């Protein structure tokens, strides 16, 4: 059985608990190191990765997903492979701003982004549907190359949520609860791909906060 372990990238100094809390900064594609607290939290997932006989961990190699993938590579003696299409959602001019600052400067656009996320994109940034297209292609390529194996993908907040939407056929309009949910690891059983259904689909076997 093909399995996919989806690990959400560890926290950075810009995040203050909930990623959309007023004092958190929107990271987007900005590369940042993991906090010590985040690294400590990741230790609990090492056993899961090791017992699945994983050989390679996929990530964008950037943002906080790169350092997270490298953490597991070092602890579990694994290789990492960088897939640029797994990069985090480009949040444009909003990157680096506190959520409270975005609300003050771009109140109407931010409110619409929250209520109807596919209808708007951050200024000079990327829309969710654009991001989903490249992530979908990456997911297809990775699963095609690893048939019958357990796959590990490390992804930042939005891309991790997009992957979950693609696997479970959840609308991108319902992405915010997935972004904000405190779940750091999912294990999916992947369904066999067919010519009709090229996008990988899966059933969640377990999840860990």
N, C-alpha and C. Protein backbone atom coordinates (compact mmCIF):
# COMPACT_ATOMS: atom_id res chain seq x y z
N UNK A 1 0.85 -1.20 0.00
CA UNK A 1 0.00 0.00 0.00
C UNK A 1 0.88 1.25 0.00
N UNK A 2 0.60 2.13 -0.93
CA UNK A 2 1.29 3.42 -0.97
C UNK A 2 0.81 4.29 0.19
N UNK A 3 1.76 4.87 0.90
CA UNK A 3 1.39 5.81 1.97
C UNK A 3 2.14 7.12 1.79
N UNK A 4 1.50 8.17 2.24
CA UNK A 4 2.11 9.49 2.23
C UNK A 4 2.08 10.06 3.64
N UNK A 5 3.26 10.36 4.16
CA UNK A 5 3.35 11.04 5.46
C UNK A 5 3.56 12.52 5.15
N UNK A 6 2.59 13.31 5.51
CA UNK A 6 2.64 14.75 5.28
C UNK A 6 2.99 15.45 6.59
N UNK A 7 4.14 16.11 6.61
CA UNK A 7 4.61 16.79 7.82
C UNK A 7 4.57 18.29 7.58
N UNK A 8 3.90 19.00 8.47
CA UNK A 8 3.87 20.45 8.34
C UNK A 8 5.18 21.02 8.91
N UNK A 9 5.75 21.96 8.17
CA UNK A 9 7.02 22.56 8.58
C UNK A 9 6.94 23.13 9.99
N UNK A 10 8.07 23.06 10.70
CA UNK A 10 8.11 23.55 12.08
C UNK A 10 7.97 25.06 12.17
N UNK A 11 7.67 25.51 13.38
CA UNK A 11 7.45 26.93 13.62
C UNK A 11 8.73 27.76 13.54
N UNK A 12 8.55 29.04 13.23
CA UNK A 12 9.65 29.98 13.09
C UNK A 12 9.45 31.16 14.05
N UNK A 13 10.45 32.03 14.18
CA UNK A 13 10.30 33.17 15.09
C UNK A 13 9.16 34.12 14.71
N UNK A 14 8.67 34.04 13.48
CA UNK A 14 7.59 34.93 13.07
C UNK A 14 6.22 34.47 13.52
N UNK A 15 6.11 33.23 13.97
CA UNK A 15 4.80 32.70 14.35
C UNK A 15 4.65 32.74 15.86
N UNK A 16 3.54 33.28 16.29
CA UNK A 16 3.23 33.36 17.72
C UNK A 16 1.99 32.50 17.98
N UNK A 17 2.19 31.18 18.02
CA UNK A 17 1.05 30.29 18.19
C UNK A 17 0.27 30.17 16.89
N UNK A 18 -0.98 30.53 16.88
CA UNK A 18 -1.83 30.46 15.72
C UNK A 18 -1.24 31.31 14.60
N UNK A 19 -1.07 30.74 13.38
CA UNK A 19 -0.41 31.49 12.31
C UNK A 19 -1.14 32.75 11.89
N UNK A 20 -2.44 32.83 12.21
CA UNK A 20 -3.19 34.03 11.84
C UNK A 20 -3.50 34.90 13.06
N UNK A 21 -2.79 34.66 14.17
CA UNK A 21 -2.94 35.55 15.32
C UNK A 21 -2.40 36.94 14.96
N UNK A 22 -2.95 37.97 15.55
CA UNK A 22 -2.61 39.35 15.18
C UNK A 22 -1.12 39.63 15.24
N UNK A 23 -0.40 39.05 16.19
CA UNK A 23 1.02 39.35 16.35
C UNK A 23 1.93 38.41 15.55
N UNK A 24 1.36 37.41 14.87
CA UNK A 24 2.16 36.56 13.99
C UNK A 24 2.45 37.30 12.70
N UNK A 25 3.59 36.99 12.10
CA UNK A 25 3.94 37.57 10.80
C UNK A 25 3.67 36.53 9.72
N UNK A 26 3.22 36.99 8.57
CA UNK A 26 2.95 36.09 7.46
C UNK A 26 4.28 35.77 6.76
N UNK A 27 4.67 34.51 6.80
CA UNK A 27 5.99 34.13 6.30
C UNK A 27 6.05 34.00 4.79
N UNK A 28 5.07 33.33 4.20
CA UNK A 28 5.10 33.10 2.76
C UNK A 28 6.37 32.37 2.36
N UNK A 29 7.08 32.89 1.36
CA UNK A 29 8.26 32.21 0.83
C UNK A 29 9.57 32.66 1.48
N UNK A 30 9.48 33.47 2.53
CA UNK A 30 10.70 33.95 3.18
C UNK A 30 11.39 32.81 3.93
N UNK A 31 12.68 32.53 3.68
CA UNK A 31 13.37 31.46 4.39
C UNK A 31 13.70 31.86 5.82
N UNK A 32 13.30 31.03 6.77
CA UNK A 32 13.55 31.31 8.18
C UNK A 32 13.96 30.03 8.89
N UNK A 33 14.78 30.14 9.93
CA UNK A 33 15.18 28.95 10.71
C UNK A 33 14.05 28.52 11.64
N UNK A 34 14.14 27.29 12.09
CA UNK A 34 13.18 26.79 13.08
C UNK A 34 13.57 27.28 14.46
N UNK A 35 12.57 27.48 15.30
CA UNK A 35 12.86 27.81 16.69
C UNK A 35 13.30 26.54 17.43
N UNK A 36 13.95 26.71 18.56
CA UNK A 36 14.36 25.55 19.36
C UNK A 36 13.13 24.75 19.80
N UNK A 37 12.06 25.45 20.13
CA UNK A 37 10.83 24.78 20.55
C UNK A 37 10.27 23.93 19.41
N UNK A 38 10.34 24.44 18.19
CA UNK A 38 9.85 23.68 17.04
C UNK A 38 10.68 22.43 16.83
N UNK A 39 11.99 22.55 16.97
CA UNK A 39 12.86 21.38 16.79
C UNK A 39 12.57 20.32 17.84
N UNK A 40 12.34 20.74 19.06
CA UNK A 40 11.99 19.79 20.12
C UNK A 40 10.69 19.07 19.81
N UNK A 41 9.72 19.81 19.27
CA UNK A 41 8.42 19.20 18.94
C UNK A 41 8.53 18.18 17.82
N UNK A 42 9.48 18.39 16.90
CA UNK A 42 9.62 17.49 15.76
C UNK A 42 10.18 16.12 16.15
N UNK A 43 10.85 16.05 17.29
CA UNK A 43 11.44 14.78 17.72
C UNK A 43 10.42 13.66 17.80
N UNK A 44 9.18 13.99 18.16
CA UNK A 44 8.15 12.96 18.37
C UNK A 44 7.80 12.22 17.08
N UNK A 45 8.15 12.82 15.92
CA UNK A 45 7.78 12.21 14.65
C UNK A 45 8.90 11.35 14.06
N UNK A 46 10.06 11.35 14.66
CA UNK A 46 11.18 10.59 14.12
C UNK A 46 10.89 9.09 14.08
N UNK A 47 10.26 8.55 15.11
CA UNK A 47 9.94 7.13 15.14
C UNK A 47 9.01 6.75 13.99
N UNK A 48 8.04 7.61 13.74
CA UNK A 48 7.08 7.36 12.66
C UNK A 48 7.79 7.28 11.32
N UNK A 49 8.71 8.19 11.09
CA UNK A 49 9.44 8.22 9.83
C UNK A 49 10.36 7.00 9.71
N UNK A 50 11.05 6.64 10.79
CA UNK A 50 12.01 5.55 10.74
C UNK A 50 11.34 4.19 10.55
N UNK A 51 10.21 3.95 11.19
CA UNK A 51 9.60 2.63 11.09
C UNK A 51 8.92 2.37 9.74
N UNK A 52 8.75 3.43 8.94
CA UNK A 52 8.13 3.27 7.62
C UNK A 52 9.15 2.99 6.53
N UNK A 53 10.40 2.82 6.90
CA UNK A 53 11.45 2.51 5.93
C UNK A 53 11.53 3.55 4.81
N UNK A 54 11.44 4.80 5.21
CA UNK A 54 11.50 5.91 4.27
C UNK A 54 12.95 6.10 3.83
N UNK A 55 13.14 6.43 2.55
CA UNK A 55 14.49 6.66 2.04
C UNK A 55 14.76 8.12 1.69
N UNK A 56 13.73 8.83 1.26
CA UNK A 56 13.89 10.22 0.82
C UNK A 56 12.77 11.08 1.39
N UNK A 57 13.13 12.30 1.78
CA UNK A 57 12.14 13.26 2.24
C UNK A 57 12.09 14.40 1.22
N UNK A 58 10.89 14.70 0.76
CA UNK A 58 10.70 15.75 -0.23
C UNK A 58 10.26 17.05 0.44
N UNK A 59 10.79 18.16 -0.07
CA UNK A 59 10.35 19.49 0.39
C UNK A 59 10.75 20.50 -0.68
N UNK A 60 10.35 21.74 -0.48
CA UNK A 60 10.79 22.80 -1.40
C UNK A 60 12.26 23.13 -1.20
N UNK A 61 12.78 22.78 -0.02
CA UNK A 61 14.16 23.14 0.32
C UNK A 61 14.29 24.57 0.80
N UNK A 62 13.16 25.26 0.96
CA UNK A 62 13.19 26.67 1.32
C UNK A 62 12.22 26.93 2.47
N UNK A 63 11.93 28.22 2.73
CA UNK A 63 11.04 28.64 3.82
C UNK A 63 11.44 27.91 5.10
N UNK A 64 10.46 27.39 5.83
CA UNK A 64 10.78 26.57 7.00
C UNK A 64 10.71 25.08 6.67
N UNK A 65 10.23 24.75 5.45
CA UNK A 65 10.13 23.33 5.10
C UNK A 65 11.52 22.73 4.84
N UNK A 66 12.44 23.52 4.28
CA UNK A 66 13.80 23.03 4.06
C UNK A 66 14.49 22.65 5.36
N UNK A 67 14.54 23.56 6.35
CA UNK A 67 15.14 23.20 7.63
C UNK A 67 14.44 22.04 8.32
N UNK A 68 13.11 21.92 8.16
CA UNK A 68 12.39 20.82 8.77
C UNK A 68 12.78 19.49 8.13
N UNK A 69 12.84 19.47 6.79
CA UNK A 69 13.26 18.25 6.09
C UNK A 69 14.69 17.88 6.47
N UNK A 70 15.57 18.88 6.60
CA UNK A 70 16.95 18.60 6.97
C UNK A 70 17.05 18.07 8.38
N UNK A 71 16.17 18.53 9.26
CA UNK A 71 16.13 18.02 10.63
C UNK A 71 15.90 16.51 10.62
N UNK A 72 14.91 16.05 9.84
CA UNK A 72 14.62 14.61 9.77
C UNK A 72 15.72 13.86 9.04
N UNK A 73 16.31 14.49 8.03
CA UNK A 73 17.42 13.84 7.32
C UNK A 73 18.58 13.57 8.27
N UNK A 74 18.88 14.53 9.13
CA UNK A 74 19.99 14.38 10.08
C UNK A 74 19.67 13.35 11.16
N UNK A 75 18.45 13.41 11.69
CA UNK A 75 18.08 12.54 12.80
C UNK A 75 17.83 11.10 12.35
N UNK A 76 17.35 10.93 11.12
CA UNK A 76 16.95 9.61 10.65
C UNK A 76 17.85 9.06 9.55
N UNK A 77 18.96 9.77 9.27
CA UNK A 77 19.93 9.34 8.25
C UNK A 77 19.26 9.12 6.88
N UNK A 78 18.56 10.14 6.43
CA UNK A 78 17.83 10.08 5.16
C UNK A 78 18.35 11.12 4.18
N UNK A 79 17.99 10.94 2.93
CA UNK A 79 18.30 11.92 1.90
C UNK A 79 17.14 12.91 1.79
N UNK A 80 17.45 14.11 1.34
CA UNK A 80 16.40 15.08 1.05
C UNK A 80 16.41 15.38 -0.45
N UNK A 81 15.25 15.65 -0.98
CA UNK A 81 15.14 16.02 -2.39
C UNK A 81 14.30 17.29 -2.48
N UNK A 82 14.85 18.29 -3.17
CA UNK A 82 14.18 19.57 -3.29
C UNK A 82 13.28 19.59 -4.53
N UNK A 83 12.02 19.95 -4.31
CA UNK A 83 11.05 20.07 -5.39
C UNK A 83 10.54 21.52 -5.37
N UNK A 84 11.01 22.37 -6.27
CA UNK A 84 10.63 23.79 -6.22
C UNK A 84 9.13 24.04 -6.24
N UNK A 85 8.37 23.14 -6.89
CA UNK A 85 6.91 23.33 -6.97
C UNK A 85 6.22 23.18 -5.62
N UNK A 86 6.95 22.68 -4.62
CA UNK A 86 6.38 22.55 -3.28
C UNK A 86 6.62 23.80 -2.43
N UNK A 87 7.13 24.86 -3.07
CA UNK A 87 7.37 26.09 -2.31
C UNK A 87 6.06 26.65 -1.74
N UNK A 88 6.19 27.39 -0.67
CA UNK A 88 5.03 27.94 0.02
C UNK A 88 4.32 28.97 -0.86
N UNK A 89 3.07 29.23 -0.55
CA UNK A 89 2.29 30.25 -1.24
C UNK A 89 3.02 31.59 -1.14
N UNK A 90 3.19 32.24 -2.29
CA UNK A 90 3.83 33.55 -2.33
C UNK A 90 2.81 34.60 -1.89
N UNK A 91 3.05 35.20 -0.75
CA UNK A 91 2.11 36.16 -0.18
C UNK A 91 2.45 37.61 -0.53
N UNK A 92 3.35 37.80 -1.49
CA UNK A 92 3.61 39.11 -2.04
C UNK A 92 3.98 40.16 -1.01
N UNK A 93 3.30 41.31 -1.11
CA UNK A 93 3.59 42.44 -0.22
C UNK A 93 3.21 42.18 1.23
N UNK A 94 2.45 41.14 1.47
CA UNK A 94 2.04 40.84 2.85
C UNK A 94 3.11 40.08 3.62
N UNK A 95 4.08 39.51 2.92
CA UNK A 95 5.10 38.71 3.59
C UNK A 95 5.92 39.59 4.54
N UNK A 96 6.07 39.09 5.76
CA UNK A 96 6.83 39.81 6.77
C UNK A 96 6.00 40.74 7.62
N UNK A 97 4.78 41.02 7.20
CA UNK A 97 3.90 41.90 7.99
C UNK A 97 3.18 41.10 9.06
N UNK A 98 2.94 41.75 10.19
CA UNK A 98 2.08 41.13 11.19
C UNK A 98 0.65 41.10 10.66
N UNK A 99 -0.11 40.12 11.11
CA UNK A 99 -1.50 40.01 10.67
C UNK A 99 -2.27 41.29 11.01
N UNK A 100 -1.96 41.87 12.15
CA UNK A 100 -2.63 43.12 12.53
C UNK A 100 -2.30 44.23 11.54
N UNK A 101 -1.07 44.25 11.01
CA UNK A 101 -0.68 45.26 10.02
C UNK A 101 -1.40 45.04 8.69
N UNK A 102 -1.54 43.79 8.32
CA UNK A 102 -2.27 43.48 7.08
C UNK A 102 -3.72 43.92 7.19
N UNK A 103 -4.32 43.66 8.33
CA UNK A 103 -5.71 44.06 8.55
C UNK A 103 -5.85 45.58 8.45
N UNK A 104 -4.89 46.30 8.99
CA UNK A 104 -4.96 47.77 8.99
C UNK A 104 -4.73 48.35 7.60
N UNK A 105 -3.75 47.79 6.86
CA UNK A 105 -3.37 48.36 5.56
C UNK A 105 -4.21 47.82 4.40
N UNK A 106 -4.60 46.56 4.50
CA UNK A 106 -5.30 45.91 3.39
C UNK A 106 -6.58 45.25 3.89
N UNK A 107 -7.31 45.96 4.73
CA UNK A 107 -8.44 45.37 5.44
C UNK A 107 -9.46 44.69 4.55
N UNK A 108 -9.89 45.36 3.49
CA UNK A 108 -10.94 44.79 2.63
C UNK A 108 -10.44 43.54 1.91
N UNK A 109 -9.22 43.62 1.36
CA UNK A 109 -8.67 42.47 0.62
C UNK A 109 -8.43 41.29 1.56
N UNK A 110 -7.91 41.57 2.75
CA UNK A 110 -7.65 40.48 3.70
C UNK A 110 -8.96 39.82 4.14
N UNK A 111 -9.98 40.63 4.38
CA UNK A 111 -11.27 40.09 4.79
C UNK A 111 -11.85 39.19 3.71
N UNK A 112 -11.71 39.61 2.45
CA UNK A 112 -12.20 38.79 1.35
C UNK A 112 -11.38 37.51 1.22
N UNK A 113 -10.06 37.61 1.42
CA UNK A 113 -9.19 36.44 1.37
C UNK A 113 -9.61 35.40 2.40
N UNK A 114 -10.05 35.88 3.54
CA UNK A 114 -10.50 34.98 4.60
C UNK A 114 -11.86 34.36 4.29
N UNK A 115 -12.77 35.14 3.74
CA UNK A 115 -14.13 34.65 3.52
C UNK A 115 -14.30 33.90 2.20
N UNK A 116 -13.49 34.26 1.20
CA UNK A 116 -13.60 33.65 -0.13
C UNK A 116 -12.18 33.51 -0.70
N UNK A 117 -11.40 32.57 -0.17
CA UNK A 117 -9.95 32.55 -0.39
C UNK A 117 -9.50 32.38 -1.84
N UNK A 118 -10.31 31.81 -2.70
CA UNK A 118 -9.88 31.64 -4.09
C UNK A 118 -10.22 32.85 -4.96
N UNK A 119 -10.91 33.83 -4.39
CA UNK A 119 -11.34 34.98 -5.19
C UNK A 119 -10.36 36.15 -5.17
N UNK A 120 -9.35 36.06 -4.32
CA UNK A 120 -8.41 37.17 -4.17
C UNK A 120 -7.03 36.60 -3.87
N UNK A 121 -6.00 37.36 -4.20
CA UNK A 121 -4.65 36.95 -3.85
C UNK A 121 -3.90 38.14 -3.25
N UNK A 122 -2.90 37.89 -2.43
CA UNK A 122 -2.13 38.99 -1.85
C UNK A 122 -1.53 39.86 -2.94
N UNK A 123 -1.42 41.18 -2.71
CA UNK A 123 -0.83 42.07 -3.71
C UNK A 123 0.56 41.58 -4.15
N UNK A 124 0.76 41.47 -5.46
CA UNK A 124 2.02 40.99 -6.05
C UNK A 124 2.34 39.56 -5.61
N UNK A 125 1.32 38.84 -5.16
CA UNK A 125 1.52 37.48 -4.69
C UNK A 125 0.85 36.47 -5.60
N UNK A 126 0.50 35.34 -5.03
CA UNK A 126 0.02 34.19 -5.79
C UNK A 126 -1.34 33.76 -5.27
N UNK A 127 -2.22 33.36 -6.19
CA UNK A 127 -3.52 32.86 -5.80
C UNK A 127 -3.46 31.39 -5.41
N UNK A 128 -4.43 30.95 -4.62
CA UNK A 128 -4.46 29.56 -4.17
C UNK A 128 -4.59 28.58 -5.33
N UNK A 129 -5.39 28.94 -6.33
CA UNK A 129 -5.56 28.03 -7.45
C UNK A 129 -4.27 27.90 -8.27
N UNK A 130 -3.53 29.01 -8.40
CA UNK A 130 -2.23 28.94 -9.07
C UNK A 130 -1.29 27.99 -8.32
N UNK A 131 -1.24 28.17 -7.01
CA UNK A 131 -0.36 27.33 -6.19
C UNK A 131 -0.79 25.86 -6.27
N UNK A 132 -2.09 25.62 -6.25
CA UNK A 132 -2.59 24.25 -6.27
C UNK A 132 -2.20 23.54 -7.56
N UNK A 133 -2.14 24.27 -8.67
CA UNK A 133 -1.77 23.65 -9.94
C UNK A 133 -0.33 23.12 -9.91
N UNK A 134 0.58 23.92 -9.39
CA UNK A 134 1.98 23.46 -9.35
C UNK A 134 2.17 22.36 -8.30
N UNK A 135 1.45 22.47 -7.18
CA UNK A 135 1.55 21.44 -6.14
C UNK A 135 0.97 20.12 -6.65
N UNK A 136 -0.13 20.20 -7.38
CA UNK A 136 -0.73 18.99 -7.95
C UNK A 136 0.24 18.28 -8.88
N UNK A 137 0.92 19.05 -9.72
CA UNK A 137 1.90 18.45 -10.65
C UNK A 137 3.04 17.79 -9.86
N UNK A 138 3.53 18.47 -8.82
CA UNK A 138 4.60 17.90 -8.01
C UNK A 138 4.16 16.61 -7.34
N UNK A 139 2.93 16.60 -6.84
CA UNK A 139 2.39 15.43 -6.16
C UNK A 139 2.27 14.26 -7.12
N UNK A 140 1.84 14.52 -8.34
CA UNK A 140 1.76 13.46 -9.35
C UNK A 140 3.14 12.88 -9.65
N UNK A 141 4.11 13.77 -9.86
CA UNK A 141 5.47 13.31 -10.19
C UNK A 141 6.07 12.48 -9.07
N UNK A 142 5.88 12.95 -7.83
CA UNK A 142 6.46 12.24 -6.68
C UNK A 142 5.84 10.86 -6.52
N UNK A 143 4.52 10.76 -6.63
CA UNK A 143 3.85 9.46 -6.45
C UNK A 143 4.17 8.52 -7.61
N UNK A 144 4.30 9.06 -8.83
CA UNK A 144 4.67 8.23 -9.98
C UNK A 144 6.04 7.58 -9.78
N UNK A 145 6.97 8.33 -9.18
CA UNK A 145 8.33 7.83 -9.01
C UNK A 145 8.47 6.91 -7.79
N UNK A 146 7.44 6.85 -6.96
CA UNK A 146 7.56 6.10 -5.70
C UNK A 146 6.41 5.13 -5.49
N UNK A 147 5.99 4.46 -6.55
CA UNK A 147 4.89 3.50 -6.44
C UNK A 147 5.27 2.37 -5.48
N UNK A 148 4.35 2.08 -4.57
CA UNK A 148 4.57 1.02 -3.60
C UNK A 148 5.42 1.41 -2.42
N UNK A 149 5.85 2.66 -2.37
CA UNK A 149 6.71 3.12 -1.27
C UNK A 149 5.96 4.10 -0.37
N UNK A 150 6.53 4.30 0.80
CA UNK A 150 6.01 5.34 1.69
C UNK A 150 6.74 6.64 1.37
N UNK A 151 5.96 7.67 1.14
CA UNK A 151 6.49 8.98 0.75
C UNK A 151 6.39 9.93 1.93
N UNK A 152 7.41 10.75 2.12
CA UNK A 152 7.35 11.81 3.12
C UNK A 152 7.50 13.15 2.41
N UNK A 153 6.54 14.03 2.66
CA UNK A 153 6.61 15.39 2.13
C UNK A 153 6.53 16.36 3.31
N UNK A 154 7.48 17.28 3.36
CA UNK A 154 7.44 18.36 4.35
C UNK A 154 7.00 19.62 3.62
N UNK A 155 5.99 20.29 4.13
CA UNK A 155 5.48 21.48 3.45
C UNK A 155 5.09 22.54 4.47
N UNK A 156 5.23 23.79 4.06
CA UNK A 156 4.82 24.91 4.90
C UNK A 156 3.29 25.00 4.97
N UNK A 157 2.80 25.93 5.77
CA UNK A 157 1.38 25.96 6.15
C UNK A 157 0.40 25.81 4.99
N UNK A 158 0.47 26.72 4.03
CA UNK A 158 -0.54 26.72 2.97
C UNK A 158 -0.38 25.52 2.04
N UNK A 159 0.84 25.18 1.70
CA UNK A 159 1.05 24.06 0.80
C UNK A 159 0.65 22.74 1.46
N UNK A 160 0.91 22.59 2.74
CA UNK A 160 0.45 21.39 3.46
C UNK A 160 -1.07 21.29 3.40
N UNK A 161 -1.75 22.42 3.56
CA UNK A 161 -3.22 22.43 3.49
C UNK A 161 -3.70 22.15 2.07
N UNK A 162 -2.99 22.69 1.07
CA UNK A 162 -3.35 22.42 -0.33
C UNK A 162 -3.22 20.93 -0.64
N UNK A 163 -2.15 20.30 -0.18
CA UNK A 163 -1.95 18.87 -0.40
C UNK A 163 -3.10 18.08 0.22
N UNK A 164 -3.50 18.45 1.43
CA UNK A 164 -4.62 17.77 2.07
C UNK A 164 -5.90 17.95 1.26
N UNK A 165 -6.11 19.15 0.74
CA UNK A 165 -7.30 19.40 -0.09
C UNK A 165 -7.29 18.52 -1.34
N UNK A 166 -6.12 18.42 -1.99
CA UNK A 166 -6.02 17.62 -3.20
C UNK A 166 -6.26 16.13 -2.92
N UNK A 167 -5.67 15.63 -1.86
CA UNK A 167 -5.80 14.21 -1.54
C UNK A 167 -7.22 13.83 -1.16
N UNK A 168 -7.90 14.71 -0.45
CA UNK A 168 -9.23 14.39 0.07
C UNK A 168 -10.35 15.01 -0.75
N UNK A 169 -9.98 15.65 -1.86
CA UNK A 169 -10.95 16.31 -2.74
C UNK A 169 -11.79 17.34 -1.98
N UNK A 170 -11.10 18.08 -1.13
CA UNK A 170 -11.73 19.18 -0.39
C UNK A 170 -11.56 20.47 -1.18
N UNK A 171 -12.58 21.31 -1.22
CA UNK A 171 -12.50 22.57 -1.95
C UNK A 171 -11.47 23.50 -1.32
N UNK A 172 -10.75 24.22 -2.17
CA UNK A 172 -9.81 25.22 -1.67
C UNK A 172 -10.53 26.34 -0.91
N UNK A 173 -11.81 26.51 -1.16
CA UNK A 173 -12.58 27.51 -0.42
C UNK A 173 -12.69 27.16 1.06
N UNK A 174 -12.40 25.90 1.40
CA UNK A 174 -12.47 25.44 2.79
C UNK A 174 -11.08 25.26 3.39
N UNK A 175 -10.10 25.99 2.87
CA UNK A 175 -8.71 25.75 3.27
C UNK A 175 -8.37 26.33 4.63
N UNK A 176 -9.03 27.41 5.05
CA UNK A 176 -8.59 28.08 6.27
C UNK A 176 -8.62 27.20 7.52
N UNK A 177 -9.66 26.39 7.74
CA UNK A 177 -9.62 25.52 8.92
C UNK A 177 -8.43 24.56 8.90
N UNK A 178 -7.99 24.16 7.71
CA UNK A 178 -6.83 23.26 7.60
C UNK A 178 -5.54 24.01 7.89
N UNK A 179 -5.44 25.26 7.45
CA UNK A 179 -4.26 26.07 7.72
C UNK A 179 -4.11 26.32 9.22
N UNK A 180 -5.22 26.58 9.88
CA UNK A 180 -5.18 26.99 11.28
C UNK A 180 -5.24 25.83 12.26
N UNK A 181 -5.56 24.64 11.76
CA UNK A 181 -5.68 23.49 12.65
C UNK A 181 -4.32 23.07 13.18
N UNK A 182 -4.28 22.69 14.43
CA UNK A 182 -3.01 22.32 15.08
C UNK A 182 -2.71 20.84 14.87
N UNK A 183 -2.51 20.46 13.61
CA UNK A 183 -2.12 19.09 13.27
C UNK A 183 -0.80 19.17 12.50
N UNK A 184 0.22 18.52 13.02
CA UNK A 184 1.56 18.63 12.43
C UNK A 184 1.92 17.48 11.52
N UNK A 185 1.21 16.35 11.63
CA UNK A 185 1.55 15.19 10.80
C UNK A 185 0.29 14.43 10.44
N UNK A 186 0.18 14.08 9.15
CA UNK A 186 -0.89 13.21 8.66
C UNK A 186 -0.27 11.99 8.00
N UNK A 187 -0.92 10.85 8.13
CA UNK A 187 -0.55 9.66 7.37
C UNK A 187 -1.73 9.30 6.48
N UNK A 188 -1.50 9.30 5.16
CA UNK A 188 -2.55 9.00 4.20
C UNK A 188 -2.27 7.67 3.51
N UNK A 189 -3.32 6.87 3.33
CA UNK A 189 -3.24 5.71 2.44
C UNK A 189 -3.66 6.19 1.06
N UNK A 190 -2.78 6.03 0.08
CA UNK A 190 -3.04 6.53 -1.26
C UNK A 190 -3.78 5.49 -2.09
N UNK A 191 -4.79 5.94 -2.81
CA UNK A 191 -5.55 5.06 -3.69
C UNK A 191 -4.76 4.85 -4.98
N UNK A 192 -4.93 3.69 -5.61
CA UNK A 192 -4.25 3.44 -6.90
C UNK A 192 -4.66 4.49 -7.93
N UNK A 193 -3.69 5.01 -8.67
CA UNK A 193 -3.99 5.99 -9.70
C UNK A 193 -4.47 5.30 -10.97
N UNK A 194 -5.36 5.97 -11.67
CA UNK A 194 -5.87 5.48 -12.94
C UNK A 194 -5.67 6.57 -13.99
N UNK A 195 -5.89 6.22 -15.25
CA UNK A 195 -5.77 7.23 -16.31
C UNK A 195 -6.81 8.32 -16.11
N UNK A 196 -7.96 7.96 -15.56
CA UNK A 196 -9.03 8.92 -15.34
C UNK A 196 -8.73 9.82 -14.17
N UNK A 197 -8.12 9.25 -13.13
CA UNK A 197 -7.83 10.02 -11.91
C UNK A 197 -6.31 10.05 -11.71
N UNK A 198 -5.66 11.03 -12.33
CA UNK A 198 -4.21 11.14 -12.23
C UNK A 198 -3.78 11.82 -10.94
N UNK A 199 -4.62 12.69 -10.41
CA UNK A 199 -4.28 13.36 -9.16
C UNK A 199 -4.36 12.36 -8.02
N UNK A 200 -3.30 12.19 -7.24
CA UNK A 200 -3.35 11.24 -6.12
C UNK A 200 -4.48 11.59 -5.16
N UNK A 201 -5.17 10.55 -4.72
CA UNK A 201 -6.21 10.70 -3.70
C UNK A 201 -5.88 9.79 -2.54
N UNK A 202 -6.33 10.15 -1.35
CA UNK A 202 -5.99 9.33 -0.21
C UNK A 202 -6.97 9.45 0.93
N UNK A 203 -6.86 8.49 1.83
CA UNK A 203 -7.67 8.46 3.05
C UNK A 203 -6.76 8.65 4.23
N UNK A 204 -7.11 9.54 5.13
CA UNK A 204 -6.26 9.79 6.29
C UNK A 204 -6.36 8.63 7.28
N UNK A 205 -5.22 8.00 7.57
CA UNK A 205 -5.16 6.91 8.53
C UNK A 205 -4.97 7.40 9.95
N UNK A 206 -4.18 8.47 10.10
CA UNK A 206 -3.92 9.02 11.43
C UNK A 206 -3.39 10.43 11.30
N UNK A 207 -3.46 11.16 12.39
CA UNK A 207 -2.91 12.51 12.43
C UNK A 207 -2.48 12.81 13.85
N UNK A 208 -1.44 13.64 13.95
CA UNK A 208 -0.84 13.95 15.25
C UNK A 208 -0.67 15.46 15.36
N UNK A 209 -1.06 16.02 16.49
CA UNK A 209 -0.87 17.45 16.73
C UNK A 209 0.50 17.71 17.30
